Amino acid sequence: MENPKCCRIHYSIMSLSSIVISVMVAMILFLVIAAGSAISSFDKDSPALVVLGLVVLILFIVDSLALGVGIVDIIENKPVCVLSIIGVALSAATIIGTIVLYVIGSISG
């Protein structure tokens, strides 16, 4: 007996890549925040903080790419995949968190 269409799990490589990229960016961003708080307690003018800021900027760009991949997957696939919606939501949350992190850093000086 064949499974009905509504019970099949539908996913694509693009939806999985959107989720994986956004989760990896979130984990690396968490580690960068932890390293930045440890370094900033010793020296405010450390070159390591500049490198961490550039890493956060690169992670922002990579997460924007994951957001774009998830949006393209939603647009291209007629049966909308739940995984691509989750990937877009995770990417958007990480991008908003990165922007908030930059705003807090610029306010605190």
PDB file of N, CA and C in Angstrom:
ATOM      1  N   MET A   1       0.829  -1.165   0.000  1.00  0.00           N
ATOM      2  CA  MET A   1       0.000   0.000   0.000  1.00  0.00           C
ATOM      3  C   MET A   1       0.890   1.250   0.000  1.00  0.00           C
ATOM      4  N   GLU A   2       0.517   2.193  -0.795  1.00  0.00           N
ATOM      5  CA  GLU A   2       1.315   3.395  -0.971  1.00  0.00           C
ATOM      6  C   GLU A   2       0.909   4.451   0.051  1.00  0.00           C
ATOM      7  N   ASN A   3       1.909   5.170   0.561  1.00  0.00           N
ATOM      8  CA  ASN A   3       1.631   6.253   1.506  1.00  0.00           C
ATOM      9  C   ASN A   3       0.957   7.417   0.790  1.00  0.00           C
ATOM     10  N   PRO A   4      -0.018   8.028   1.425  1.00  0.00           N
ATOM     11  CA  PRO A   4      -0.604   9.217   0.810  1.00  0.00           C
ATOM     12  C   PRO A   4       0.405  10.359   0.781  1.00  0.00           C
ATOM     13  N   LYS A   5       0.184  11.297  -0.120  1.00  0.00           N
ATOM     14  CA  LYS A   5       1.130  12.386  -0.324  1.00  0.00           C
ATOM     15  C   LYS A   5       1.292  13.260   0.903  1.00  0.00           C
ATOM     16  N   CYS A   6       0.245  13.422   1.680  1.00  0.00           N
ATOM     17  CA  CYS A   6       0.319  14.325   2.826  1.00  0.00           C
ATOM     18  C   CYS A   6       1.185  13.763   3.948  1.00  0.00           C
ATOM     19  N   CYS A   7       1.430  12.465   3.967  1.00  0.00           N
ATOM     20  CA  CYS A   7       2.197  11.859   5.048  1.00  0.00           C
ATOM     21  C   CYS A   7       3.675  11.713   4.715  1.00  0.00           C
ATOM     22  N   ARG A   8       4.079  12.040   3.518  1.00  0.00           N
ATOM     23  CA  ARG A   8       5.488  11.934   3.151  1.00  0.00           C
ATOM     24  C   ARG A   8       6.262  13.111   3.711  1.00  0.00           C
ATOM     25  N   ILE A   9       7.475  12.831   4.111  1.00  0.00           N
ATOM     26  CA  ILE A   9       8.347  13.903   4.580  1.00  0.00           C
ATOM     27  C   ILE A   9       9.023  14.500   3.355  1.00  0.00           C
ATOM     28  N   HIS A  10       8.772  15.785   3.157  1.00  0.00           N
ATOM     29  CA  HIS A  10       9.318  16.467   1.995  1.00  0.00           C
ATOM     30  C   HIS A  10      10.452  17.377   2.448  1.00  0.00           C
ATOM     31  N   TYR A  11      11.615  17.165   1.887  1.00  0.00           N
ATOM     32  CA  TYR A  11      12.731  18.055   2.160  1.00  0.00           C
ATOM     33  C   TYR A  11      13.608  18.129   0.922  1.00  0.00           C
ATOM     34  N   SER A  12      14.388  19.165   0.886  1.00  0.00           N
ATOM     35  CA  SER A  12      15.324  19.319  -0.225  1.00  0.00           C
ATOM     36  C   SER A  12      16.700  19.633   0.348  1.00  0.00           C
ATOM     37  N   ILE A  13      17.686  19.544  -0.510  1.00  0.00           N
ATOM     38  CA  ILE A  13      19.051  19.851  -0.097  1.00  0.00           C
ATOM     39  C   ILE A  13      19.168  21.310   0.318  1.00  0.00           C
ATOM     40  N   MET A  14      18.435  22.183  -0.360  1.00  0.00           N
ATOM     41  CA  MET A  14      18.505  23.606  -0.036  1.00  0.00           C
ATOM     42  C   MET A  14      17.920  23.885   1.345  1.00  0.00           C
ATOM     43  N   SER A  15      16.842  23.207   1.698  1.00  0.00           N
ATOM     44  CA  SER A  15      16.269  23.439   3.025  1.00  0.00           C
ATOM     45  C   SER A  15      17.178  22.903   4.121  1.00  0.00           C
ATOM     46  N   LEU A  16      17.771  21.753   3.889  1.00  0.00           N
ATOM     47  CA  LEU A  16      18.707  21.207   4.867  1.00  0.00           C
ATOM     48  C   LEU A  16      19.947  22.071   5.000  1.00  0.00           C
ATOM     49  N   SER A  17      20.440  22.586   3.869  1.00  0.00           N
ATOM     50  CA  SER A  17      21.628  23.437   3.945  1.00  0.00           C
ATOM     51  C   SER A  17      21.323  24.747   4.654  1.00  0.00           C
ATOM     52  N   SER A  18      20.129  25.275   4.481  1.00  0.00           N
ATOM     53  CA  SER A  18      19.746  26.499   5.189  1.00  0.00           C
ATOM     54  C   SER A  18      19.739  26.277   6.694  1.00  0.00           C
ATOM     55  N   ILE A  19      19.194  25.157   7.129  1.00  0.00           N
ATOM     56  CA  ILE A  19      19.164  24.857   8.561  1.00  0.00           C
ATOM     57  C   ILE A  19      20.572  24.618   9.101  1.00  0.00           C
ATOM     58  N   VAL A  20      21.364  23.822   8.389  1.00  0.00           N
ATOM     59  CA  VAL A  20      22.706  23.488   8.867  1.00  0.00           C
ATOM     60  C   VAL A  20      23.577  24.738   8.948  1.00  0.00           C
ATOM     61  N   ILE A  21      23.521  25.580   7.921  1.00  0.00           N
ATOM     62  CA  ILE A  21      24.329  26.796   7.928  1.00  0.00           C
ATOM     63  C   ILE A  21      23.907  27.719   9.070  1.00  0.00           C
ATOM     64  N   SER A  22      22.620  27.899   9.261  1.00  0.00           N
ATOM     65  CA  SER A  22      22.177  28.815  10.311  1.00  0.00           C
ATOM     66  C   SER A  22      22.498  28.279  11.706  1.00  0.00           C
ATOM     67  N   VAL A  23      22.403  26.980  11.916  1.00  0.00           N
ATOM     68  CA  VAL A  23      22.755  26.404  13.218  1.00  0.00           C
ATOM     69  C   VAL A  23      24.256  26.518  13.464  1.00  0.00           C
ATOM     70  N   MET A  24      25.063  26.249  12.448  1.00  0.00           N
ATOM     71  CA  MET A  24      26.513  26.370  12.601  1.00  0.00           C
ATOM     72  C   MET A  24      26.920  27.819  12.879  1.00  0.00           C
ATOM     73  N   VAL A  25      26.302  28.759  12.181  1.00  0.00           N
ATOM     74  CA  VAL A  25      26.599  30.176  12.421  1.00  0.00           C
ATOM     75  C   VAL A  25      26.218  30.562  13.841  1.00  0.00           C
ATOM     76  N   ALA A  26      25.080  30.091  14.322  1.00  0.00           N
ATOM     77  CA  ALA A  26      24.649  30.415  15.686  1.00  0.00           C
ATOM     78  C   ALA A  26      25.628  29.847  16.721  1.00  0.00           C
ATOM     79  N   MET A  27      26.115  28.625  16.499  1.00  0.00           N
ATOM     80  CA  MET A  27      27.061  28.036  17.446  1.00  0.00           C
ATOM     81  C   MET A  27      28.393  28.772  17.425  1.00  0.00           C
ATOM     82  N   ILE A  28      28.890  29.098  16.244  1.00  0.00           N
ATOM     83  CA  ILE A  28      30.158  29.822  16.152  1.00  0.00           C
ATOM     84  C   ILE A  28      30.001  31.225  16.731  1.00  0.00           C
ATOM     85  N   LEU A  29      28.857  31.861  16.497  1.00  0.00           N
ATOM     86  CA  LEU A  29      28.608  33.190  17.055  1.00  0.00           C
ATOM     87  C   LEU A  29      28.602  33.151  18.575  1.00  0.00           C
ATOM     88  N   PHE A  30      28.036  32.104  19.139  1.00  0.00           N
ATOM     89  CA  PHE A  30      28.048  31.946  20.596  1.00  0.00           C
ATOM     90  C   PHE A  30      29.478  31.830  21.117  1.00  0.00           C
ATOM     91  N   LEU A  31      30.313  31.050  20.422  1.00  0.00           N
ATOM     92  CA  LEU A  31      31.712  30.908  20.837  1.00  0.00           C
ATOM     93  C   LEU A  31      32.475  32.222  20.691  1.00  0.00           C
ATOM     94  N   VAL A  32      32.175  32.986  19.637  1.00  0.00           N
ATOM     95  CA  VAL A  32      32.842  34.276  19.436  1.00  0.00           C
ATOM     96  C   VAL A  32      32.445  35.254  20.534  1.00  0.00           C
ATOM     97  N   ILE A  33      31.177  35.242  20.927  1.00  0.00           N
ATOM     98  CA  ILE A  33      30.731  36.122  22.012  1.00  0.00           C
ATOM     99  C   ILE A  33      31.430  35.745  23.318  1.00  0.00           C
ATOM    100  N   ALA A  34      31.557  34.458  23.576  1.00  0.00           N
ATOM    101  CA  ALA A  34      32.242  34.009  24.794  1.00  0.00           C
ATOM    102  C   ALA A  34      33.716  34.407  24.768  1.00  0.00           C
ATOM    103  N   ALA A  35      34.368  34.254  23.623  1.00  0.00           N
ATOM    104  CA  ALA A  35      35.779  34.642  23.514  1.00  0.00           C
ATOM    105  C   ALA A  35      35.936  36.152  23.614  1.00  0.00           C
ATOM    106  N   GLY A  36      35.007  36.891  23.029  1.00  0.00           N
ATOM    107  CA  GLY A  36      35.086  38.347  23.092  1.00  0.00           C
ATOM    108  C   GLY A  36      34.894  38.878  24.494  1.00  0.00           C
ATOM    109  N   SER A  37      34.023  38.263  25.251  1.00  0.00           N
ATOM    110  CA  SER A  37      33.835  38.720  26.634  1.00  0.00           C
ATOM    111  C   SER A  37      35.048  38.373  27.485  1.00  0.00           C
ATOM    112  N   ALA A  38      35.707  37.270  27.194  1.00  0.00           N
ATOM    113  CA  ALA A  38      36.912  36.910  27.940  1.00  0.00           C
ATOM    114  C   ALA A  38      38.073  37.836  27.590  1.00  0.00           C
ATOM    115  N   ILE A  39      38.192  38.203  26.315  1.00  0.00           N
ATOM    116  CA  ILE A  39      39.290  39.077  25.896  1.00  0.00           C
ATOM    117  C   ILE A  39      39.043  40.512  26.338  1.00  0.00           C
ATOM    118  N   SER A  40      37.806  40.974  26.229  1.00  0.00           N
ATOM    119  CA  SER A  40      37.528  42.378  26.540  1.00  0.00           C
ATOM    120  C   SER A  40      37.671  42.694  28.022  1.00  0.00           C
ATOM    121  N   SER A  41      37.633  41.677  28.870  1.00  0.00           N
ATOM    122  CA  SER A  41      37.818  41.939  30.296  1.00  0.00           C
ATOM    123  C   SER A  41      39.277  42.272  30.607  1.00  0.00           C
ATOM    124  N   PHE A  42      40.204  41.862  29.744  1.00  0.00           N
ATOM    125  CA  PHE A  42      41.611  42.158  29.964  1.00  0.00           C
ATOM    126  C   PHE A  42      42.042  43.453  29.285  1.00  0.00           C
ATOM    127  N   ASP A  43      41.732  43.588  27.994  1.00  0.00           N
ATOM    128  CA  ASP A  43      42.231  44.736  27.231  1.00  0.00           C
ATOM    129  C   ASP A  43      41.172  45.173  26.232  1.00  0.00           C
ATOM    130  N   LYS A  44      40.792  46.431  26.313  1.00  0.00           N
ATOM    131  CA  LYS A  44      39.761  46.945  25.402  1.00  0.00           C
ATOM    132  C   LYS A  44      40.302  47.213  23.997  1.00  0.00           C
ATOM    133  N   ASP A  45      41.599  47.464  23.860  1.00  0.00           N
ATOM    134  CA  ASP A  45      42.190  47.798  22.556  1.00  0.00           C
ATOM    135  C   ASP A  45      42.967  46.630  21.957  1.00  0.00           C
ATOM    136  N   SER A  46      42.554  45.436  22.242  1.00  0.00           N
ATOM    137  CA  SER A  46      43.247  44.248  21.764  1.00  0.00           C
ATOM    138  C   SER A  46      42.970  44.015  20.286  1.00  0.00           C
ATOM    139  N   PRO A  47      44.005  43.650  19.508  1.00  0.00           N
ATOM    140  CA  PRO A  47      43.767  43.318  18.101  1.00  0.00           C
ATOM    141  C   PRO A  47      42.895  42.068  17.936  1.00  0.00           C
ATOM    142  N   ALA A  48      42.838  41.240  18.962  1.00  0.00           N
ATOM    143  CA  ALA A  48      42.000  40.046  18.891  1.00  0.00           C
ATOM    144  C   ALA A  48      40.528  40.418  18.821  1.00  0.00           C
ATOM    145  N   LEU A  49      40.151  41.530  19.459  1.00  0.00           N
ATOM    146  CA  LEU A  49      38.763  41.980  19.382  1.00  0.00           C
ATOM    147  C   LEU A  49      38.407  42.435  17.972  1.00  0.00           C
ATOM    148  N   VAL A  50      39.374  43.006  17.265  1.00  0.00           N
ATOM    149  CA  VAL A  50      39.139  43.405  15.874  1.00  0.00           C
ATOM    150  C   VAL A  50      38.916  42.170  15.015  1.00  0.00           C
ATOM    151  N   VAL A  51      39.715  41.150  15.251  1.00  0.00           N
ATOM    152  CA  VAL A  51      39.564  39.900  14.502  1.00  0.00           C
ATOM    153  C   VAL A  51      38.208  39.259  14.807  1.00  0.00           C
ATOM    154  N   LEU A  52      37.799  39.281  16.063  1.00  0.00           N
ATOM    155  CA  LEU A  52      36.494  38.720  16.423  1.00  0.00           C
ATOM    156  C   LEU A  52      35.359  39.512  15.785  1.00  0.00           C
ATOM    157  N   GLY A  53      35.520  40.827  15.687  1.00  0.00           N
ATOM    158  CA  GLY A  53      34.518  41.638  15.002  1.00  0.00           C
ATOM    159  C   GLY A  53      34.412  41.293  13.532  1.00  0.00           C
ATOM    160  N   LEU A  54      35.556  41.040  12.894  1.00  0.00           N
ATOM    161  CA  LEU A  54      35.541  40.621  11.490  1.00  0.00           C
ATOM    162  C   LEU A  54      34.923  39.238  11.330  1.00  0.00           C
ATOM    163  N   VAL A  55      35.159  38.355  12.288  1.00  0.00           N
ATOM    164  CA  VAL A  55      34.544  37.021  12.243  1.00  0.00           C
ATOM    165  C   VAL A  55      33.025  37.140  12.349  1.00  0.00           C
ATOM    166  N   VAL A  56      32.554  38.026  13.222  1.00  0.00           N
ATOM    167  CA  VAL A  56      31.109  38.234  13.356  1.00  0.00           C
ATOM    168  C   VAL A  56      30.532  38.786  12.052  1.00  0.00           C
ATOM    169  N   LEU A  57      31.267  39.692  11.403  1.00  0.00           N
ATOM    170  CA  LEU A  57      30.808  40.232  10.120  1.00  0.00           C
ATOM    171  C   LEU A  57      30.752  39.151   9.044  1.00  0.00           C
ATOM    172  N   ILE A  58      31.739  38.280   9.011  1.00  0.00           N
ATOM    173  CA  ILE A  58      31.736  37.174   8.042  1.00  0.00           C
ATOM    174  C   ILE A  58      30.580  36.215   8.335  1.00  0.00           C
ATOM    175  N   LEU A  59      30.326  35.947   9.617  1.00  0.00           N
ATOM    176  CA  LEU A  59      29.202  35.084   9.981  1.00  0.00           C
ATOM    177  C   LEU A  59      27.870  35.715   9.584  1.00  0.00           C
ATOM    178  N   PHE A  60      27.775  37.036   9.673  1.00  0.00           N
ATOM    179  CA  PHE A  60      26.573  37.741   9.236  1.00  0.00           C
ATOM    180  C   PHE A  60      26.349  37.533   7.739  1.00  0.00           C
ATOM    181  N   ILE A  61      27.414  37.616   6.960  1.00  0.00           N
ATOM    182  CA  ILE A  61      27.305  37.426   5.505  1.00  0.00           C
ATOM    183  C   ILE A  61      26.919  35.987   5.188  1.00  0.00           C
ATOM    184  N   VAL A  62      27.529  35.024   5.867  1.00  0.00           N
ATOM    185  CA  VAL A  62      27.217  33.612   5.625  1.00  0.00           C
ATOM    186  C   VAL A  62      25.770  33.310   6.016  1.00  0.00           C
ATOM    187  N   ASP A  63      25.306  33.913   7.102  1.00  0.00           N
ATOM    188  CA  ASP A  63      23.925  33.682   7.520  1.00  0.00           C
ATOM    189  C   ASP A  63      22.938  34.348   6.569  1.00  0.00           C
ATOM    190  N   SER A  64      23.330  35.465   5.981  1.00  0.00           N
ATOM    191  CA  SER A  64      22.489  36.073   4.948  1.00  0.00           C
ATOM    192  C   SER A  64      22.374  35.146   3.743  1.00  0.00           C
ATOM    193  N   LEU A  65      23.455  34.454   3.439  1.00  0.00           N
ATOM    194  CA  LEU A  65      23.424  33.457   2.364  1.00  0.00           C
ATOM    195  C   LEU A  65      22.468  32.321   2.715  1.00  0.00           C
ATOM    196  N   ALA A  66      22.483  31.857   3.967  1.00  0.00           N
ATOM    197  CA  ALA A  66      21.561  30.798   4.393  1.00  0.00           C
ATOM    198  C   ALA A  66      20.118  31.273   4.320  1.00  0.00           C
ATOM    199  N   LEU A  67      19.885  32.537   4.665  1.00  0.00           N
ATOM    200  CA  LEU A  67      18.541  33.096   4.555  1.00  0.00           C
ATOM    201  C   LEU A  67      18.085  33.127   3.102  1.00  0.00           C
ATOM    202  N   GLY A  68      18.984  33.517   2.213  1.00  0.00           N
ATOM    203  CA  GLY A  68      18.647  33.537   0.788  1.00  0.00           C
ATOM    204  C   GLY A  68      18.364  32.151   0.238  1.00  0.00           C
ATOM    205  N   VAL A  69      19.139  31.165   0.658  1.00  0.00           N
ATOM    206  CA  VAL A  69      18.912  29.795   0.200  1.00  0.00           C
ATOM    207  C   VAL A  69      17.554  29.289   0.674  1.00  0.00           C
ATOM    208  N   GLY A  70      17.199  29.600   1.919  1.00  0.00           N
ATOM    209  CA  GLY A  70      15.905  29.174   2.433  1.00  0.00           C
ATOM    210  C   GLY A  70      14.747  29.850   1.715  1.00  0.00           C
ATOM    211  N   ILE A  71      14.894  31.142   1.421  1.00  0.00           N
ATOM    212  CA  ILE A  71      13.832  31.858   0.709  1.00  0.00           C
ATOM    213  C   ILE A  71      13.683  31.329  -0.711  1.00  0.00           C
ATOM    214  N   VAL A  72      14.799  31.069  -1.378  1.00  0.00           N
ATOM    215  CA  VAL A  72      14.730  30.506  -2.736  1.00  0.00           C
ATOM    216  C   VAL A  72      14.069  29.140  -2.711  1.00  0.00           C
ATOM    217  N   ASP A  73      14.354  28.339  -1.692  1.00  0.00           N
ATOM    218  CA  ASP A  73      13.730  27.023  -1.597  1.00  0.00           C
ATOM    219  C   ASP A  73      12.226  27.146  -1.371  1.00  0.00           C
ATOM    220  N   ILE A  74      11.803  28.116  -0.581  1.00  0.00           N
ATOM    221  CA  ILE A  74      10.366  28.326  -0.377  1.00  0.00           C
ATOM    222  C   ILE A  74       9.696  28.747  -1.680  1.00  0.00           C
ATOM    223  N   ILE A  75      10.354  29.625  -2.428  1.00  0.00           N
ATOM    224  CA  ILE A  75       9.769  30.130  -3.674  1.00  0.00           C
ATOM    225  C   ILE A  75       9.723  29.042  -4.748  1.00  0.00           C
ATOM    226  N   GLU A  76      10.781  28.246  -4.868  1.00  0.00           N
ATOM    227  CA  GLU A  76      10.864  27.265  -5.954  1.00  0.00           C
ATOM    228  C   GLU A  76       9.981  26.038  -5.747  1.00  0.00           C
ATOM    229  N   ASN A  77       9.881  25.546  -4.530  1.00  0.00           N
ATOM    230  CA  ASN A  77       9.139  24.308  -4.289  1.00  0.00           C
ATOM    231  C   ASN A  77       7.667  24.601  -4.090  1.00  0.00           C
ATOM    232  N   LYS A  78       6.836  23.914  -4.862  1.00  0.00           N
ATOM    233  CA  LYS A  78       5.391  24.107  -4.730  1.00  0.00           C
ATOM    234  C   LYS A  78       4.859  23.541  -3.421  1.00  0.00           C
ATOM    235  N   PRO A  79       5.177  22.286  -3.053  1.00  0.00           N
ATOM    236  CA  PRO A  79       4.795  21.906  -1.690  1.00  0.00           C
ATOM    237  C   PRO A  79       5.811  22.532  -0.734  1.00  0.00           C
ATOM    238  N   VAL A  80       5.401  23.556  -0.016  1.00  0.00           N
ATOM    239  CA  VAL A  80       6.326  24.303   0.822  1.00  0.00           C
ATOM    240  C   VAL A  80       6.861  23.383   1.916  1.00  0.00           C
ATOM    241  N   CYS A  81       8.156  23.345   2.011  1.00  0.00           N
ATOM    242  CA  CYS A  81       8.830  22.464   2.950  1.00  0.00           C
ATOM    243  C   CYS A  81       8.911  23.135   4.321  1.00  0.00           C
ATOM    244  N   VAL A  82       8.579  22.394   5.343  1.00  0.00           N
ATOM    245  CA  VAL A  82       8.629  22.923   6.701  1.00  0.00           C
ATOM    246  C   VAL A  82      10.072  23.206   7.106  1.00  0.00           C
ATOM    247  N   LEU A  83      10.992  22.383   6.625  1.00  0.00           N
ATOM    248  CA  LEU A  83      12.395  22.579   6.969  1.00  0.00           C
ATOM    249  C   LEU A  83      12.934  23.892   6.424  1.00  0.00           C
ATOM    250  N   SER A  84      12.490  24.293   5.245  1.00  0.00           N
ATOM    251  CA  SER A  84      12.970  25.566   4.707  1.00  0.00           C
ATOM    252  C   SER A  84      12.404  26.738   5.497  1.00  0.00           C
ATOM    253  N   ILE A  85      11.189  26.615   5.995  1.00  0.00           N
ATOM    254  CA  ILE A  85      10.617  27.665   6.841  1.00  0.00           C
ATOM    255  C   ILE A  85      11.385  27.750   8.156  1.00  0.00           C
ATOM    256  N   ILE A  86      11.748  26.609   8.716  1.00  0.00           N
ATOM    257  CA  ILE A  86      12.542  26.598   9.943  1.00  0.00           C
ATOM    258  C   ILE A  86      13.918  27.205   9.684  1.00  0.00           C
ATOM    259  N   GLY A  87      14.524  26.884   8.546  1.00  0.00           N
ATOM    260  CA  GLY A  87      15.826  27.452   8.199  1.00  0.00           C
ATOM    261  C   GLY A  87      15.773  28.955   8.036  1.00  0.00           C
ATOM    262  N   VAL A  88      14.714  29.460   7.401  1.00  0.00           N
ATOM    263  CA  VAL A  88      14.559  30.904   7.248  1.00  0.00           C
ATOM    264  C   VAL A  88      14.365  31.563   8.608  1.00  0.00           C
ATOM    265  N   ALA A  89      13.571  30.933   9.474  1.00  0.00           N
ATOM    266  CA  ALA A  89      13.333  31.500  10.804  1.00  0.00           C
ATOM    267  C   ALA A  89      14.620  31.530  11.637  1.00  0.00           C
ATOM    268  N   LEU A  90      15.392  30.448  11.591  1.00  0.00           N
ATOM    269  CA  LEU A  90      16.658  30.419  12.328  1.00  0.00           C
ATOM    270  C   LEU A  90      17.646  31.437  11.786  1.00  0.00           C
ATOM    271  N   SER A  91      17.713  31.556  10.469  1.00  0.00           N
ATOM    272  CA  SER A  91      18.628  32.530   9.866  1.00  0.00           C
ATOM    273  C   SER A  91      18.217  33.950  10.214  1.00  0.00           C
ATOM    274  N   ALA A  92      16.931  34.227  10.160  1.00  0.00           N
ATOM    275  CA  ALA A  92      16.457  35.572  10.500  1.00  0.00           C
ATOM    276  C   ALA A  92      16.731  35.887  11.971  1.00  0.00           C
ATOM    277  N   ALA A  93      16.536  34.908  12.837  1.00  0.00           N
ATOM    278  CA  ALA A  93      16.804  35.132  14.262  1.00  0.00           C
ATOM    279  C   ALA A  93      18.286  35.383  14.506  1.00  0.00           C
ATOM    280  N   THR A  94      19.150  34.653  13.817  1.00  0.00           N
ATOM    281  CA  THR A  94      20.586  34.848  13.987  1.00  0.00           C
ATOM    282  C   THR A  94      21.031  36.192  13.419  1.00  0.00           C
ATOM    283  N   ILE A  95      20.451  36.604  12.298  1.00  0.00           N
ATOM    284  CA  ILE A  95      20.786  37.913  11.725  1.00  0.00           C
ATOM    285  C   ILE A  95      20.340  39.030  12.655  1.00  0.00           C
ATOM    286  N   ILE A  96      19.144  38.923  13.208  1.00  0.00           N
ATOM    287  CA  ILE A  96      18.668  39.938  14.150  1.00  0.00           C
ATOM    288  C   ILE A  96      19.550  39.953  15.399  1.00  0.00           C
ATOM    289  N   GLY A  97      19.957  38.786  15.873  1.00  0.00           N
ATOM    290  CA  GLY A  97      20.864  38.719  17.021  1.00  0.00           C
ATOM    291  C   GLY A  97      22.212  39.352  16.733  1.00  0.00           C
ATOM    292  N   THR A  98      22.726  39.163  15.516  1.00  0.00           N
ATOM    293  CA  THR A  98      23.991  39.778  15.140  1.00  0.00           C
ATOM    294  C   THR A  98      23.869  41.295  15.083  1.00  0.00           C
ATOM    295  N   ILE A  99      22.771  41.788  14.538  1.00  0.00           N
ATOM    296  CA  ILE A  99      22.557  43.238  14.484  1.00  0.00           C
ATOM    297  C   ILE A  99      22.443  43.808  15.896  1.00  0.00           C
ATOM    298  N   VAL A 100      21.722  43.120  16.773  1.00  0.00           N
ATOM    299  CA  VAL A 100      21.608  43.567  18.166  1.00  0.00           C
ATOM    300  C   VAL A 100      22.977  43.555  18.838  1.00  0.00           C
ATOM    301  N   LEU A 101      23.792  42.553  18.532  1.00  0.00           N
ATOM    302  CA  LEU A 101      25.137  42.470  19.095  1.00  0.00           C
ATOM    303  C   LEU A 101      25.986  43.655  18.656  1.00  0.00           C
ATOM    304  N   TYR A 102      25.908  44.040  17.378  1.00  0.00           N
ATOM    305  CA  TYR A 102      26.648  45.197  16.900  1.00  0.00           C
ATOM    306  C   TYR A 102      26.138  46.488  17.534  1.00  0.00           C
ATOM    307  N   VAL A 103      24.838  46.618  17.710  1.00  0.00           N
ATOM    308  CA  VAL A 103      24.281  47.827  18.329  1.00  0.00           C
ATOM    309  C   VAL A 103      24.716  47.942  19.781  1.00  0.00           C
ATOM    310  N   ILE A 104      24.677  46.833  20.511  1.00  0.00           N
ATOM    311  CA  ILE A 104      25.116  46.855  21.908  1.00  0.00           C
ATOM    312  C   ILE A 104      26.614  47.195  21.986  1.00  0.00           C
ATOM    313  N   GLY A 105      27.397  46.631  21.080  1.00  0.00           N
ATOM    314  CA  GLY A 105      28.831  46.932  21.068  1.00  0.00           C
ATOM    315  C   GLY A 105      29.123  48.375  20.735  1.00  0.00           C
ATOM    316  N   SER A 106      28.350  48.970  19.835  1.00  0.00           N
ATOM    317  CA  SER A 106      28.604  50.366  19.479  1.00  0.00           C
ATOM    318  C   SER A 106      28.118  51.319  20.568  1.00  0.00           C
ATOM    319  N   ILE A 107      27.077  50.944  21.290  1.00  0.00           N
ATOM    320  CA  ILE A 107      26.590  51.787  22.375  1.00  0.00           C
ATOM    321  C   ILE A 107      27.543  51.756  23.569  1.00  0.00           C
ATOM    322  N   SER A 108      28.061  50.572  23.875  1.00  0.00           N
ATOM    323  CA  SER A 108      28.932  50.450  25.052  1.00  0.00           C
ATOM    324  C   SER A 108      30.320  51.033  24.807  1.00  0.00           C
ATOM    325  N   GLY A 109      30.663  51.260  23.560  1.00  0.00           N
ATOM    326  CA  GLY A 109      31.924  51.938  23.245  1.00  0.00           C
ATOM    327  C   GLY A 109      33.011  50.957  23.116  1.00  0.00           C
TER     328      GLY A 109
END
